[in-house]
Amino acid sequence: MSVWEFVGLAVVGYVTGVVGFVTGMASIVSFPALLAFGLSPVAANATNTVSLIAIGVGATARAGEEIKGRGRELYEWIALSAVGGAVGAALLLIGSDAVFAAVVPFLVALGGVALLLQPRILALHDHRHAGIFTVVGLFAVSIYVGYFGAGGGVLFVALLLLTRAESIHSATVLKSFFLGIANLVAAIGFAFFAPVHWGVAAALALGALAGGWSGPPVAKLIPADVMRIGVGVGALGLAAWLFFR
């Protein structure tokens, strides 16, 4: 890998970090970039998951007040995210490349639709259904994140707003935290059993760390709806390209 390729991937990583914090759709930026770089779908997904750990680190560094003081509940959520991420990674590893390649367009489309419908999803905010729904939902979304993850952030935010009395700000911060845990656990499995391209992962992670860190202030400068609609439409276009290529 040349110096310019490393720099280019780091820039992609930075954009991935910012987009991931604001919209929860980090993989929509990084995954196609890795395919364009020449990686197979499974290798691109494994490499992408490893690099996305940096977004969680960067965002969590600014999330102290949101995750403090939650007691035992937070530890239960961390465990659910970790186990779910492990299950999702295992499903990817035991499945075939052909199955993953066939499923990815639909997962990308799901993420794009979830993002475009986000305002309607958030309008359903009703924390009366907390408890078991939060537990089951958190586990299910973590499995999805461990397997692929595009749109996982949107699903995390929607889950927290639908089942908890969380503000949009705290839900967004917690989303990055839980995504980071699920990605971390999946990445550990991929590091041993999947074809991770470590040089590419390092370049993306470097940019993603900076993007996750600067996500909160950048989010204040870019209209959320502009980025949401742009990324959502782009996700549907990417899904169509992956399906017909």
C-alpha atoms as a PDB file:
ATOM      1  CA  MET A   1       0.000   0.000   0.000  1.00  0.00           C
ATOM      2  CA  SER A   2       1.413   3.383  -1.041  1.00  0.00           C
ATOM      3  CA  VAL A   3       1.562   6.472   1.139  1.00  0.00           C
ATOM      4  CA  TRP A   4      -1.180   8.118  -0.921  1.00  0.00           C
ATOM      5  CA  GLU A   5      -3.431   5.088  -0.568  1.00  0.00           C
ATOM      6  CA  PHE A   6      -2.891   5.177   3.199  1.00  0.00           C
ATOM      7  CA  VAL A   7      -3.736   8.899   3.304  1.00  0.00           C
ATOM      8  CA  GLY A   8      -6.798   8.372   1.116  1.00  0.00           C
ATOM      9  CA  LEU A   9      -8.077   5.601   3.357  1.00  0.00           C
ATOM     10  CA  ALA A  10      -7.461   7.764   6.434  1.00  0.00           C
ATOM     11  CA  VAL A  11      -9.598  10.515   4.866  1.00  0.00           C
ATOM     12  CA  VAL A  12     -12.313   7.940   4.159  1.00  0.00           C
ATOM     13  CA  GLY A  13     -12.002   6.877   7.792  1.00  0.00           C
ATOM     14  CA  TYR A  14     -12.482  10.435   9.014  1.00  0.00           C
ATOM     15  CA  VAL A  15     -15.637  10.892   6.945  1.00  0.00           C
ATOM     16  CA  THR A  16     -16.781   7.483   8.177  1.00  0.00           C
ATOM     17  CA  GLY A  17     -16.291   8.580  11.789  1.00  0.00           C
ATOM     18  CA  VAL A  18     -18.264  11.799  11.372  1.00  0.00           C
ATOM     19  CA  VAL A  19     -21.074  10.178   9.385  1.00  0.00           C
ATOM     20  CA  GLY A  20     -21.191   7.311  11.868  1.00  0.00           C
ATOM     21  CA  PHE A  21     -21.610   9.647  14.825  1.00  0.00           C
ATOM     22  CA  VAL A  22     -24.246  11.844  13.175  1.00  0.00           C
ATOM     23  CA  THR A  23     -26.296   9.196  11.329  1.00  0.00           C
ATOM     24  CA  GLY A  24     -25.228   5.792  12.644  1.00  0.00           C
ATOM     25  CA  MET A  25     -24.379   4.683   9.083  1.00  0.00           C
ATOM     26  CA  ALA A  26     -20.578   4.525   9.187  1.00  0.00           C
ATOM     27  CA  SER A  27     -20.351   1.345   7.100  1.00  0.00           C
ATOM     28  CA  ILE A  28     -22.155   2.963   4.186  1.00  0.00           C
ATOM     29  CA  VAL A  29     -19.058   5.121   3.655  1.00  0.00           C
ATOM     30  CA  SER A  30     -16.277   2.675   4.494  1.00  0.00           C
ATOM     31  CA  PHE A  31     -17.627  -0.623   3.139  1.00  0.00           C
ATOM     32  CA  PRO A  32     -17.895   0.447  -0.538  1.00  0.00           C
ATOM     33  CA  ALA A  33     -14.503   2.161  -0.232  1.00  0.00           C
ATOM     34  CA  LEU A  34     -12.975  -1.161   0.800  1.00  0.00           C
ATOM     35  CA  LEU A  35     -14.704  -2.963  -2.062  1.00  0.00           C
ATOM     36  CA  ALA A  36     -13.278  -0.346  -4.433  1.00  0.00           C
ATOM     37  CA  PHE A  37      -9.855  -0.960  -2.884  1.00  0.00           C
ATOM     38  CA  GLY A  38     -10.147  -4.557  -4.102  1.00  0.00           C
ATOM     39  CA  LEU A  39     -11.147  -6.490  -0.985  1.00  0.00           C
ATOM     40  CA  SER A  40     -13.709  -9.288  -1.150  1.00  0.00           C
ATOM     41  CA  PRO A  41     -17.062  -8.629   0.585  1.00  0.00           C
ATOM     42  CA  VAL A  42     -16.192 -10.747   3.643  1.00  0.00           C
ATOM     43  CA  ALA A  43     -12.649  -9.332   3.899  1.00  0.00           C
ATOM     44  CA  ALA A  44     -14.034  -5.802   3.488  1.00  0.00           C
ATOM     45  CA  ASN A  45     -16.589  -6.375   6.239  1.00  0.00           C
ATOM     46  CA  ALA A  46     -14.043  -7.885   8.655  1.00  0.00           C
ATOM     47  CA  THR A  47     -11.503  -5.134   7.975  1.00  0.00           C
ATOM     48  CA  ASN A  48     -14.221  -2.503   8.303  1.00  0.00           C
ATOM     49  CA  THR A  49     -15.398  -3.875  11.655  1.00  0.00           C
ATOM     50  CA  VAL A  50     -11.866  -3.804  13.054  1.00  0.00           C
ATOM     51  CA  SER A  51     -11.353  -0.195  11.952  1.00  0.00           C
ATOM     52  CA  LEU A  52     -14.724   0.992  13.306  1.00  0.00           C
ATOM     53  CA  ILE A  53     -13.621   0.291  16.870  1.00  0.00           C
ATOM     54  CA  ALA A  54     -11.877   3.655  16.650  1.00  0.00           C
ATOM     55  CA  ILE A  55     -15.189   5.494  16.224  1.00  0.00           C
ATOM     56  CA  GLY A  56     -16.431   4.085  19.510  1.00  0.00           C
ATOM     57  CA  VAL A  57     -13.189   5.081  21.224  1.00  0.00           C
ATOM     58  CA  GLY A  58     -13.314   8.619  19.844  1.00  0.00           C
ATOM     59  CA  ALA A  59     -16.990   9.140  20.630  1.00  0.00           C
ATOM     60  CA  THR A  60     -16.863   7.498  24.065  1.00  0.00           C
ATOM     61  CA  ALA A  61     -14.002   9.761  25.083  1.00  0.00           C
ATOM     62  CA  ARG A  62     -16.568  12.566  24.998  1.00  0.00           C
ATOM     63  CA  ALA A  63     -19.407  10.532  26.495  1.00  0.00           C
ATOM     64  CA  GLY A  64     -18.396  10.331  30.142  1.00  0.00           C
ATOM     65  CA  GLU A  65     -21.401  12.133  31.612  1.00  0.00           C
ATOM     66  CA  GLU A  66     -23.898  10.091  29.600  1.00  0.00           C
ATOM     67  CA  ILE A  67     -22.617   6.685  30.668  1.00  0.00           C
ATOM     68  CA  LYS A  68     -21.784   7.463  34.293  1.00  0.00           C
ATOM     69  CA  GLY A  69     -24.195   6.810  37.137  1.00  0.00           C
ATOM     70  CA  ARG A  70     -26.299   4.166  35.350  1.00  0.00           C
ATOM     71  CA  GLY A  71     -25.269   1.412  37.743  1.00  0.00           C
ATOM     72  CA  ARG A  72     -26.000  -2.255  37.126  1.00  0.00           C
ATOM     73  CA  GLU A  73     -28.212  -1.519  34.146  1.00  0.00           C
ATOM     74  CA  LEU A  74     -25.260  -0.234  32.132  1.00  0.00           C
ATOM     75  CA  TYR A  75     -23.245  -3.391  32.839  1.00  0.00           C
ATOM     76  CA  GLU A  76     -26.170  -5.525  31.684  1.00  0.00           C
ATOM     77  CA  TRP A  77     -26.373  -3.536  28.445  1.00  0.00           C
ATOM     78  CA  ILE A  78     -22.613  -3.885  27.925  1.00  0.00           C
ATOM     79  CA  ALA A  79     -22.915  -7.671  28.343  1.00  0.00           C
ATOM     80  CA  LEU A  80     -25.796  -7.835  25.858  1.00  0.00           C
ATOM     81  CA  SER A  81     -23.870  -5.778  23.303  1.00  0.00           C
ATOM     82  CA  ALA A  82     -20.783  -7.959  23.725  1.00  0.00           C
ATOM     83  CA  VAL A  83     -22.597 -11.292  23.437  1.00  0.00           C
ATOM     84  CA  GLY A  84     -24.699 -10.042  20.519  1.00  0.00           C
ATOM     85  CA  GLY A  85     -21.617  -8.839  18.683  1.00  0.00           C
ATOM     86  CA  ALA A  86     -19.994 -12.239  19.209  1.00  0.00           C
ATOM     87  CA  VAL A  87     -23.053 -14.084  17.864  1.00  0.00           C
ATOM     88  CA  GLY A  88     -23.176 -11.849  14.792  1.00  0.00           C
ATOM     89  CA  ALA A  89     -19.474 -12.376  14.103  1.00  0.00           C
ATOM     90  CA  ALA A  90     -19.900 -16.137  14.471  1.00  0.00           C
ATOM     91  CA  LEU A  91     -22.750 -16.117  11.951  1.00  0.00           C
ATOM     92  CA  LEU A  92     -20.513 -14.323   9.460  1.00  0.00           C
ATOM     93  CA  LEU A  93     -17.581 -16.679  10.027  1.00  0.00           C
ATOM     94  CA  ILE A  94     -19.560 -19.919   9.702  1.00  0.00           C
ATOM     95  CA  GLY A  95     -21.475 -18.686   6.652  1.00  0.00           C
ATOM     96  CA  SER A  96     -20.156 -18.720   3.105  1.00  0.00           C
ATOM     97  CA  ASP A  97     -18.829 -15.763   1.118  1.00  0.00           C
ATOM     98  CA  ALA A  98     -21.624 -16.286  -1.401  1.00  0.00           C
ATOM     99  CA  VAL A  99     -24.345 -16.056   1.244  1.00  0.00           C
ATOM    100  CA  PHE A 100     -22.872 -12.875   2.716  1.00  0.00           C
ATOM    101  CA  ALA A 101     -22.500 -11.278  -0.732  1.00  0.00           C
ATOM    102  CA  ALA A 102     -26.134 -12.132  -1.484  1.00  0.00           C
ATOM    103  CA  VAL A 103     -27.437 -10.754   1.832  1.00  0.00           C
ATOM    104  CA  VAL A 104     -25.406  -7.517   1.964  1.00  0.00           C
ATOM    105  CA  PRO A 105     -27.493  -5.517  -0.573  1.00  0.00           C
ATOM    106  CA  PHE A 106     -30.602  -6.111   1.521  1.00  0.00           C
ATOM    107  CA  LEU A 107     -28.825  -5.181   4.762  1.00  0.00           C
ATOM    108  CA  VAL A 108     -27.545  -1.955   3.189  1.00  0.00           C
ATOM    109  CA  ALA A 109     -31.044  -1.183   1.894  1.00  0.00           C
ATOM    110  CA  LEU A 110     -32.467  -1.839   5.379  1.00  0.00           C
ATOM    111  CA  GLY A 111     -30.018   0.657   6.846  1.00  0.00           C
ATOM    112  CA  GLY A 112     -30.878   3.259   4.204  1.00  0.00           C
ATOM    113  CA  VAL A 113     -34.624   2.891   4.733  1.00  0.00           C
ATOM    114  CA  ALA A 114     -34.189   3.074   8.505  1.00  0.00           C
ATOM    115  CA  LEU A 115     -32.223   6.287   8.116  1.00  0.00           C
ATOM    116  CA  LEU A 116     -34.728   7.913   5.743  1.00  0.00           C
ATOM    117  CA  LEU A 117     -37.587   6.967   8.076  1.00  0.00           C
ATOM    118  CA  GLN A 118     -35.711   8.061  11.195  1.00  0.00           C
ATOM    119  CA  PRO A 119     -37.956  11.092  11.945  1.00  0.00           C
ATOM    120  CA  ARG A 120     -41.054   8.874  11.868  1.00  0.00           C
ATOM    121  CA  ILE A 121     -39.330   6.262  14.023  1.00  0.00           C
ATOM    122  CA  LEU A 122     -38.289   8.850  16.588  1.00  0.00           C
ATOM    123  CA  ALA A 123     -41.822  10.275  16.634  1.00  0.00           C
ATOM    124  CA  LEU A 124     -42.969   6.972  18.149  1.00  0.00           C
ATOM    125  CA  HIS A 125     -41.002   7.763  21.311  1.00  0.00           C
ATOM    126  CA  ASP A 126     -42.763   5.958  24.147  1.00  0.00           C
ATOM    127  CA  HIS A 127     -40.691   4.672  27.057  1.00  0.00           C
ATOM    128  CA  ARG A 128     -43.580   2.765  28.633  1.00  0.00           C
ATOM    129  CA  HIS A 129     -42.386  -0.398  26.887  1.00  0.00           C
ATOM    130  CA  ALA A 130     -39.033  -0.524  28.677  1.00  0.00           C
ATOM    131  CA  GLY A 131     -37.608  -3.607  30.301  1.00  0.00           C
ATOM    132  CA  ILE A 132     -37.704  -6.789  28.274  1.00  0.00           C
ATOM    133  CA  PHE A 133     -38.110  -4.889  24.998  1.00  0.00           C
ATOM    134  CA  THR A 134     -34.892  -2.979  25.643  1.00  0.00           C
ATOM    135  CA  VAL A 135     -33.040  -6.181  26.495  1.00  0.00           C
ATOM    136  CA  VAL A 136     -34.285  -8.179  23.494  1.00  0.00           C
ATOM    137  CA  GLY A 137     -33.873  -5.243  21.116  1.00  0.00           C
ATOM    138  CA  LEU A 138     -30.349  -4.439  22.279  1.00  0.00           C
ATOM    139  CA  PHE A 139     -29.296  -8.063  21.852  1.00  0.00           C
ATOM    140  CA  ALA A 140     -30.859  -8.336  18.379  1.00  0.00           C
ATOM    141  CA  VAL A 141     -29.300  -5.102  17.114  1.00  0.00           C
ATOM    142  CA  SER A 142     -25.907  -6.161  18.501  1.00  0.00           C
ATOM    143  CA  ILE A 143     -26.127  -9.418  16.526  1.00  0.00           C
ATOM    144  CA  TYR A 144     -26.853  -7.392  13.398  1.00  0.00           C
ATOM    145  CA  VAL A 145     -23.896  -5.099  14.115  1.00  0.00           C
ATOM    146  CA  GLY A 146     -21.570  -8.064  14.607  1.00  0.00           C
ATOM    147  CA  TYR A 147     -22.688  -9.567  11.293  1.00  0.00           C
ATOM    148  CA  PHE A 148     -22.610  -6.422   9.165  1.00  0.00           C
ATOM    149  CA  GLY A 149     -23.866  -3.343  10.973  1.00  0.00           C
ATOM    150  CA  ALA A 150     -24.781  -0.696   8.385  1.00  0.00           C
ATOM    151  CA  GLY A 151     -27.675   1.187   9.980  1.00  0.00           C
ATOM    152  CA  GLY A 152     -27.039  -0.394  13.367  1.00  0.00           C
ATOM    153  CA  GLY A 153     -26.597   3.027  14.929  1.00  0.00           C
ATOM    154  CA  VAL A 154     -30.016   4.132  13.670  1.00  0.00           C
ATOM    155  CA  LEU A 155     -31.572   1.002  15.154  1.00  0.00           C
ATOM    156  CA  PHE A 156     -29.810   1.562  18.496  1.00  0.00           C
ATOM    157  CA  VAL A 157     -31.065   5.152  18.717  1.00  0.00           C
ATOM    158  CA  ALA A 158     -34.602   4.151  17.753  1.00  0.00           C
ATOM    159  CA  LEU A 159     -34.575   1.357  20.339  1.00  0.00           C
ATOM    160  CA  LEU A 160     -33.446   3.640  23.169  1.00  0.00           C
ATOM    161  CA  LEU A 161     -35.994   6.331  22.305  1.00  0.00           C
ATOM    162  CA  LEU A 162     -38.831   3.832  21.952  1.00  0.00           C
ATOM    163  CA  THR A 163     -38.165   1.928  25.170  1.00  0.00           C
ATOM    164  CA  ARG A 164     -36.382   4.409  27.418  1.00  0.00           C
ATOM    165  CA  ALA A 165     -36.870   7.944  28.706  1.00  0.00           C
ATOM    166  CA  GLU A 166     -33.670   9.062  26.944  1.00  0.00           C
ATOM    167  CA  SER A 167     -33.062  12.382  25.237  1.00  0.00           C
ATOM    168  CA  ILE A 168     -31.957  12.319  21.595  1.00  0.00           C
ATOM    169  CA  HIS A 169     -28.507  13.480  22.711  1.00  0.00           C
ATOM    170  CA  SER A 170     -28.000  10.731  25.304  1.00  0.00           C
ATOM    171  CA  ALA A 171     -29.395   8.100  22.909  1.00  0.00           C
ATOM    172  CA  THR A 172     -26.926   9.209  20.228  1.00  0.00           C
ATOM    173  CA  VAL A 173     -23.981   9.014  22.627  1.00  0.00           C
ATOM    174  CA  LEU A 174     -25.058   5.640  24.037  1.00  0.00           C
ATOM    175  CA  LYS A 175     -25.478   4.377  20.479  1.00  0.00           C
ATOM    176  CA  SER A 176     -21.806   5.044  19.749  1.00  0.00           C
ATOM    177  CA  PHE A 177     -20.832   3.331  23.013  1.00  0.00           C
ATOM    178  CA  PHE A 178     -22.835   0.155  22.323  1.00  0.00           C
ATOM    179  CA  LEU A 179     -21.758   0.062  18.685  1.00  0.00           C
ATOM    180  CA  GLY A 180     -18.158   0.251  19.863  1.00  0.00           C
ATOM    181  CA  ILE A 181     -18.615  -2.729  22.197  1.00  0.00           C
ATOM    182  CA  ALA A 182     -20.343  -4.925  19.608  1.00  0.00           C
ATOM    183  CA  ASN A 183     -17.715  -4.000  17.011  1.00  0.00           C
ATOM    184  CA  LEU A 184     -14.874  -4.661  19.462  1.00  0.00           C
ATOM    185  CA  VAL A 185     -16.040  -8.170  20.287  1.00  0.00           C
ATOM    186  CA  ALA A 186     -16.723  -8.988  16.621  1.00  0.00           C
ATOM    187  CA  ALA A 187     -13.325  -7.555  15.666  1.00  0.00           C
ATOM    188  CA  ILE A 188     -11.539  -9.849  18.143  1.00  0.00           C
ATOM    189  CA  GLY A 189     -13.106 -12.852  16.433  1.00  0.00           C
ATOM    190  CA  PHE A 190     -12.305 -11.498  12.972  1.00  0.00           C
ATOM    191  CA  ALA A 191      -8.697 -10.838  13.990  1.00  0.00           C
ATOM    192  CA  PHE A 192      -8.178 -14.579  14.519  1.00  0.00           C
ATOM    193  CA  PHE A 193     -10.522 -16.175  11.999  1.00  0.00           C
ATOM    194  CA  ALA A 194     -11.281 -13.702   9.173  1.00  0.00           C
ATOM    195  CA  PRO A 195      -9.167 -12.238   6.340  1.00  0.00           C
ATOM    196  CA  VAL A 196      -8.485  -8.809   7.888  1.00  0.00           C
ATOM    197  CA  HIS A 197      -6.270  -6.466   5.840  1.00  0.00           C
ATOM    198  CA  TRP A 198      -4.378  -4.877   8.732  1.00  0.00           C
ATOM    199  CA  GLY A 199      -2.744  -2.042   6.815  1.00  0.00           C
ATOM    200  CA  VAL A 200      -6.085  -0.898   5.447  1.00  0.00           C
ATOM    201  CA  ALA A 201      -7.707  -1.286   8.876  1.00  0.00           C
ATOM    202  CA  ALA A 202      -4.992   0.876  10.464  1.00  0.00           C
ATOM    203  CA  ALA A 203      -5.462   3.671   7.928  1.00  0.00           C
ATOM    204  CA  LEU A 204      -9.245   3.661   8.310  1.00  0.00           C
ATOM    205  CA  ALA A 205      -9.010   3.467  12.093  1.00  0.00           C
ATOM    206  CA  LEU A 206      -6.690   6.471  12.271  1.00  0.00           C
ATOM    207  CA  GLY A 207      -9.181   8.605  10.383  1.00  0.00           C
ATOM    208  CA  ALA A 208     -12.198   7.108  12.170  1.00  0.00           C
ATOM    209  CA  LEU A 209     -10.697   7.930  15.568  1.00  0.00           C
ATOM    210  CA  ALA A 210     -10.428  11.591  14.576  1.00  0.00           C
ATOM    211  CA  GLY A 211     -13.886  11.501  13.003  1.00  0.00           C
ATOM    212  CA  GLY A 212     -15.500   9.969  16.082  1.00  0.00           C
ATOM    213  CA  TRP A 213     -13.774  12.518  18.307  1.00  0.00           C
ATOM    214  CA  SER A 214     -14.840  15.509  16.202  1.00  0.00           C
ATOM    215  CA  GLY A 215     -18.299  14.110  15.491  1.00  0.00           C
ATOM    216  CA  PRO A 216     -20.152  16.093  18.200  1.00  0.00           C
ATOM    217  CA  PRO A 217     -18.880  19.569  17.160  1.00  0.00           C
ATOM    218  CA  VAL A 218     -19.090  18.769  13.434  1.00  0.00           C
ATOM    219  CA  ALA A 219     -22.671  17.598  13.911  1.00  0.00           C
ATOM    220  CA  LYS A 220     -23.563  21.120  15.029  1.00  0.00           C
ATOM    221  CA  LEU A 221     -22.265  22.588  11.747  1.00  0.00           C
ATOM    222  CA  ILE A 222     -23.930  20.204   9.288  1.00  0.00           C
ATOM    223  CA  PRO A 223     -27.745  20.137   9.163  1.00  0.00           C
ATOM    224  CA  ALA A 224     -28.696  16.686  10.424  1.00  0.00           C
ATOM    225  CA  ASP A 225     -31.467  16.250   7.839  1.00  0.00           C
ATOM    226  CA  VAL A 226     -29.099  17.057   4.975  1.00  0.00           C
ATOM    227  CA  MET A 227     -26.642  14.365   6.043  1.00  0.00           C
ATOM    228  CA  ARG A 228     -29.409  11.908   6.945  1.00  0.00           C
ATOM    229  CA  ILE A 229     -31.156  12.166   3.575  1.00  0.00           C
ATOM    230  CA  GLY A 230     -27.897  12.216   1.635  1.00  0.00           C
ATOM    231  CA  VAL A 231     -26.537   9.108   3.340  1.00  0.00           C
ATOM    232  CA  GLY A 232     -29.914   7.351   3.178  1.00  0.00           C
ATOM    233  CA  VAL A 233     -30.283   7.904  -0.574  1.00  0.00           C
ATOM    234  CA  GLY A 234     -26.665   6.926  -1.056  1.00  0.00           C
ATOM    235  CA  ALA A 235     -27.285   3.696   0.862  1.00  0.00           C
ATOM    236  CA  LEU A 236     -30.166   2.752  -1.427  1.00  0.00           C
ATOM    237  CA  GLY A 237     -28.005   3.490  -4.463  1.00  0.00           C
ATOM    238  CA  LEU A 238     -25.211   1.364  -3.035  1.00  0.00           C
ATOM    239  CA  ALA A 239     -27.660  -1.461  -2.308  1.00  0.00           C
ATOM    240  CA  ALA A 240     -28.842  -1.384  -5.935  1.00  0.00           C
ATOM    241  CA  TRP A 241     -25.242  -1.425  -7.202  1.00  0.00           C
ATOM    242  CA  LEU A 242     -24.309  -4.368  -4.942  1.00  0.00           C
ATOM    243  CA  PHE A 243     -27.411  -6.277  -6.058  1.00  0.00           C
ATOM    244  CA  PHE A 244     -26.927  -5.843  -9.807  1.00  0.00           C
ATOM    245  CA  ARG A 245     -23.137  -5.908 -10.101  1.00  0.00           C
END
